Amino acid sequence: MKTLSGKRQKLSMDDLIRYPEGTLGFNLGQYLHSNSIEPDPVPDNEDILRVLLTRNDSFTEEIGMHYYLFGNGGLSIRMLFIMASGLLLCPLSIKYFYKRYRDGKNALRFYDINHFGLLQLPVARIKDAFMIR
């Protein structure tokens, strides 16, 4: 079940929870378990990025994550739509969004790497290596 299909790797939640505690794989498994409606979802890159970039699942942090990714080199129509919606719906958070954009600019580019190759590494080590703040 651990085959790569494009940029997505088909892993079950059980596969992810088997990674050592503190690793990206283990934290991804916990995130999917606690936030998923589906009994056994297939993770995607956005789930991995949420584990690395957000502390909780608030609306403002979700938008801030997209600003961070935009600063780190990410660009898509969906991302631009989310960022514009965030400005309209959360105008008091503009300073926070700009800070997240700057943080993404200052981090080493990690937006477009294969994140599934990092599942066995500790989250703290990944954040240090890419200067994720």
C-alpha atoms as a PDB file:
ATOM      1  CA  MET A   1       0.000   0.000   0.000  1.00  0.00           C
ATOM      2  CA  LYS A   2       3.041   2.316   0.173  1.00  0.00           C
ATOM      3  CA  THR A   3       3.181   3.101  -3.524  1.00  0.00           C
ATOM      4  CA  LEU A   4       3.671   6.494  -5.053  1.00  0.00           C
ATOM      5  CA  SER A   5       1.046   7.733  -7.449  1.00  0.00           C
ATOM      6  CA  GLY A   6       2.242  11.054  -8.793  1.00  0.00           C
ATOM      7  CA  LYS A   7       3.002  13.227  -5.778  1.00  0.00           C
ATOM      8  CA  ARG A   8       0.549  11.393  -3.507  1.00  0.00           C
ATOM      9  CA  GLN A   9       1.528   8.332  -1.604  1.00  0.00           C
ATOM     10  CA  LYS A  10      -1.155   5.843  -0.686  1.00  0.00           C
ATOM     11  CA  LEU A  11      -0.745   5.309   3.028  1.00  0.00           C
ATOM     12  CA  SER A  12      -3.314   4.254   5.557  1.00  0.00           C
ATOM     13  CA  MET A  13      -3.691   5.916   8.930  1.00  0.00           C
ATOM     14  CA  ASP A  14      -2.316   2.712  10.466  1.00  0.00           C
ATOM     15  CA  ASP A  15       0.839   3.047   8.328  1.00  0.00           C
ATOM     16  CA  LEU A  16       1.308   6.611   9.506  1.00  0.00           C
ATOM     17  CA  ILE A  17       0.698   5.912  13.199  1.00  0.00           C
ATOM     18  CA  ARG A  18       3.435   3.230  13.057  1.00  0.00           C
ATOM     19  CA  TYR A  19       6.097   5.890  12.448  1.00  0.00           C
ATOM     20  CA  PRO A  20       8.083   6.801  15.579  1.00  0.00           C
ATOM     21  CA  GLU A  21       6.557   9.490  17.779  1.00  0.00           C
ATOM     22  CA  GLY A  22       7.648  13.000  16.807  1.00  0.00           C
ATOM     23  CA  THR A  23       8.140  12.179  13.142  1.00  0.00           C
ATOM     24  CA  LEU A  24       6.218  13.850  10.352  1.00  0.00           C
ATOM     25  CA  GLY A  25       4.511  10.552   9.503  1.00  0.00           C
ATOM     26  CA  PHE A  26       3.281  10.024  13.065  1.00  0.00           C
ATOM     27  CA  ASN A  27       2.069  13.626  13.386  1.00  0.00           C
ATOM     28  CA  LEU A  28       0.315  13.372  10.023  1.00  0.00           C
ATOM     29  CA  GLY A  29      -1.429  10.200  11.172  1.00  0.00           C
ATOM     30  CA  GLN A  30      -2.584  11.917  14.367  1.00  0.00           C
ATOM     31  CA  TYR A  31      -3.798  14.943  12.392  1.00  0.00           C
ATOM     32  CA  LEU A  32      -5.786  12.782   9.974  1.00  0.00           C
ATOM     33  CA  HIS A  33      -7.203  10.700  12.809  1.00  0.00           C
ATOM     34  CA  SER A  34      -8.379  13.700  14.809  1.00  0.00           C
ATOM     35  CA  ASN A  35      -9.637  15.824  11.890  1.00  0.00           C
ATOM     36  CA  SER A  36     -10.952  13.367   9.347  1.00  0.00           C
ATOM     37  CA  ILE A  37     -14.518  12.356   8.709  1.00  0.00           C
ATOM     38  CA  GLU A  38     -13.431   9.425   6.557  1.00  0.00           C
ATOM     39  CA  PRO A  39     -12.342   6.273   8.374  1.00  0.00           C
ATOM     40  CA  ASP A  40      -9.138   5.866   6.329  1.00  0.00           C
ATOM     41  CA  PRO A  41      -8.235   8.923   4.240  1.00  0.00           C
ATOM     42  CA  VAL A  42      -5.305   9.098   1.843  1.00  0.00           C
ATOM     43  CA  PRO A  43      -3.056  12.011   2.864  1.00  0.00           C
ATOM     44  CA  ASP A  44      -2.060  14.684   0.381  1.00  0.00           C
ATOM     45  CA  ASN A  45       0.630  17.369   0.384  1.00  0.00           C
ATOM     46  CA  GLU A  46      -1.738  19.956   1.855  1.00  0.00           C
ATOM     47  CA  ASP A  47      -2.282  17.760   4.919  1.00  0.00           C
ATOM     48  CA  ILE A  48       1.487  17.507   5.389  1.00  0.00           C
ATOM     49  CA  LEU A  49       1.848  21.266   4.994  1.00  0.00           C
ATOM     50  CA  ARG A  50      -0.853  21.823   7.641  1.00  0.00           C
ATOM     51  CA  VAL A  51       1.114  19.651  10.084  1.00  0.00           C
ATOM     52  CA  LEU A  52       4.270  21.684   9.416  1.00  0.00           C
ATOM     53  CA  LEU A  53       2.753  25.175   9.302  1.00  0.00           C
ATOM     54  CA  THR A  54      -0.275  25.412  11.567  1.00  0.00           C
ATOM     55  CA  ARG A  55      -0.841  24.988  15.272  1.00  0.00           C
ATOM     56  CA  ASN A  56      -4.619  24.633  15.219  1.00  0.00           C
ATOM     57  CA  ASP A  57      -7.391  24.413  12.659  1.00  0.00           C
ATOM     58  CA  SER A  58      -8.737  27.951  12.798  1.00  0.00           C
ATOM     59  CA  PHE A  59     -10.006  29.750   9.725  1.00  0.00           C
ATOM     60  CA  THR A  60      -7.403  32.505  10.134  1.00  0.00           C
ATOM     61  CA  GLU A  61      -4.523  30.018  10.440  1.00  0.00           C
ATOM     62  CA  GLU A  62      -5.695  28.175   7.330  1.00  0.00           C
ATOM     63  CA  ILE A  63      -5.584  31.406   5.346  1.00  0.00           C
ATOM     64  CA  GLY A  64      -2.266  32.314   6.965  1.00  0.00           C
ATOM     65  CA  MET A  65      -0.871  28.972   5.787  1.00  0.00           C
ATOM     66  CA  HIS A  66      -1.709  29.908   2.201  1.00  0.00           C
ATOM     67  CA  TYR A  67       0.031  33.269   2.605  1.00  0.00           C
ATOM     68  CA  TYR A  68       3.070  31.410   3.957  1.00  0.00           C
ATOM     69  CA  LEU A  69       3.049  29.054   0.972  1.00  0.00           C
ATOM     70  CA  PHE A  70       2.648  31.984  -1.439  1.00  0.00           C
ATOM     71  CA  GLY A  71       5.708  33.596   0.126  1.00  0.00           C
ATOM     72  CA  ASN A  72       7.545  30.291  -0.241  1.00  0.00           C
ATOM     73  CA  GLY A  73       6.896  30.095  -3.976  1.00  0.00           C
ATOM     74  CA  GLY A  74       3.495  28.470  -4.201  1.00  0.00           C
ATOM     75  CA  LEU A  75       1.030  29.837  -6.718  1.00  0.00           C
ATOM     76  CA  SER A  76      -2.327  28.519  -7.834  1.00  0.00           C
ATOM     77  CA  ILE A  77      -5.717  29.979  -8.609  1.00  0.00           C
ATOM     78  CA  ARG A  78      -7.141  28.211  -5.549  1.00  0.00           C
ATOM     79  CA  MET A  79      -4.450  29.748  -3.335  1.00  0.00           C
ATOM     80  CA  LEU A  80      -5.093  33.247  -4.713  1.00  0.00           C
ATOM     81  CA  PHE A  81      -8.831  32.797  -4.163  1.00  0.00           C
ATOM     82  CA  ILE A  82      -8.295  31.702  -0.546  1.00  0.00           C
ATOM     83  CA  MET A  83      -5.942  34.622   0.102  1.00  0.00           C
ATOM     84  CA  ALA A  84      -8.360  37.159  -1.420  1.00  0.00           C
ATOM     85  CA  SER A  85     -11.272  35.647   0.519  1.00  0.00           C
ATOM     86  CA  GLY A  86      -9.220  35.903   3.689  1.00  0.00           C
ATOM     87  CA  LEU A  87      -8.637  39.611   3.138  1.00  0.00           C
ATOM     88  CA  LEU A  88     -12.357  40.175   2.628  1.00  0.00           C
ATOM     89  CA  LEU A  89     -13.545  38.000   5.509  1.00  0.00           C
ATOM     90  CA  CYS A  90     -10.786  38.759   8.031  1.00  0.00           C
ATOM     91  CA  PRO A  91      -9.640  42.342   7.395  1.00  0.00           C
ATOM     92  CA  LEU A  92      -8.386  42.662  10.985  1.00  0.00           C
ATOM     93  CA  SER A  93      -5.878  39.859  10.316  1.00  0.00           C
ATOM     94  CA  ILE A  94      -4.000  41.633   7.498  1.00  0.00           C
ATOM     95  CA  LYS A  95      -0.889  42.114   9.663  1.00  0.00           C
ATOM     96  CA  TYR A  96      -0.926  38.413  10.572  1.00  0.00           C
ATOM     97  CA  PHE A  97      -1.280  37.408   6.909  1.00  0.00           C
ATOM     98  CA  TYR A  98       1.605  39.689   5.916  1.00  0.00           C
ATOM     99  CA  LYS A  99       3.758  38.225   8.707  1.00  0.00           C
ATOM    100  CA  ARG A 100       3.003  34.693   7.470  1.00  0.00           C
ATOM    101  CA  TYR A 101       3.902  35.780   3.901  1.00  0.00           C
ATOM    102  CA  ARG A 102       7.247  37.185   5.147  1.00  0.00           C
ATOM    103  CA  ASP A 103       7.906  34.014   7.148  1.00  0.00           C
ATOM    104  CA  GLY A 104       7.354  31.981   3.973  1.00  0.00           C
ATOM    105  CA  LYS A 105       9.726  34.255   2.046  1.00  0.00           C
ATOM    106  CA  ASN A 106      12.419  33.817   4.703  1.00  0.00           C
ATOM    107  CA  ALA A 107      12.139  30.007   4.814  1.00  0.00           C
ATOM    108  CA  LEU A 108      14.082  27.825   2.416  1.00  0.00           C
ATOM    109  CA  ARG A 109      11.893  26.740  -0.461  1.00  0.00           C
ATOM    110  CA  PHE A 110      10.043  23.571   0.472  1.00  0.00           C
ATOM    111  CA  TYR A 111       6.690  24.199  -1.166  1.00  0.00           C
ATOM    112  CA  ASP A 112       7.315  22.005  -4.193  1.00  0.00           C
ATOM    113  CA  ILE A 113       9.378  19.117  -2.794  1.00  0.00           C
ATOM    114  CA  ASN A 114       8.097  15.574  -2.356  1.00  0.00           C
ATOM    115  CA  HIS A 115       6.999  15.747   1.279  1.00  0.00           C
ATOM    116  CA  PHE A 116       6.278  12.023   1.442  1.00  0.00           C
ATOM    117  CA  GLY A 117      10.028  11.368   1.452  1.00  0.00           C
ATOM    118  CA  LEU A 118      10.252  13.235   4.775  1.00  0.00           C
ATOM    119  CA  LEU A 119       7.722  11.162   6.734  1.00  0.00           C
ATOM    120  CA  GLN A 120      10.389   9.316   8.735  1.00  0.00           C
ATOM    121  CA  LEU A 121      12.115  12.539   9.882  1.00  0.00           C
ATOM    122  CA  PRO A 122      11.323  14.385  13.123  1.00  0.00           C
ATOM    123  CA  VAL A 123       9.110  17.447  12.611  1.00  0.00           C
ATOM    124  CA  ALA A 124      11.520  19.672  14.572  1.00  0.00           C
ATOM    125  CA  ARG A 125      14.400  18.648  12.288  1.00  0.00           C
ATOM    126  CA  ILE A 126      12.378  19.423   9.147  1.00  0.00           C
ATOM    127  CA  LYS A 127      11.369  22.817  10.522  1.00  0.00           C
ATOM    128  CA  ASP A 128      14.979  23.618  11.404  1.00  0.00           C
ATOM    129  CA  ALA A 129      16.312  22.450   8.031  1.00  0.00           C
ATOM    130  CA  PHE A 130      13.867  24.602   6.040  1.00  0.00           C
ATOM    131  CA  MET A 131      13.783  27.447   8.579  1.00  0.00           C
ATOM    132  CA  ILE A 132      10.022  27.057   9.049  1.00  0.00           C
ATOM    133  CA  ARG A 133       8.725  29.458  11.678  1.00  0.00           C
END
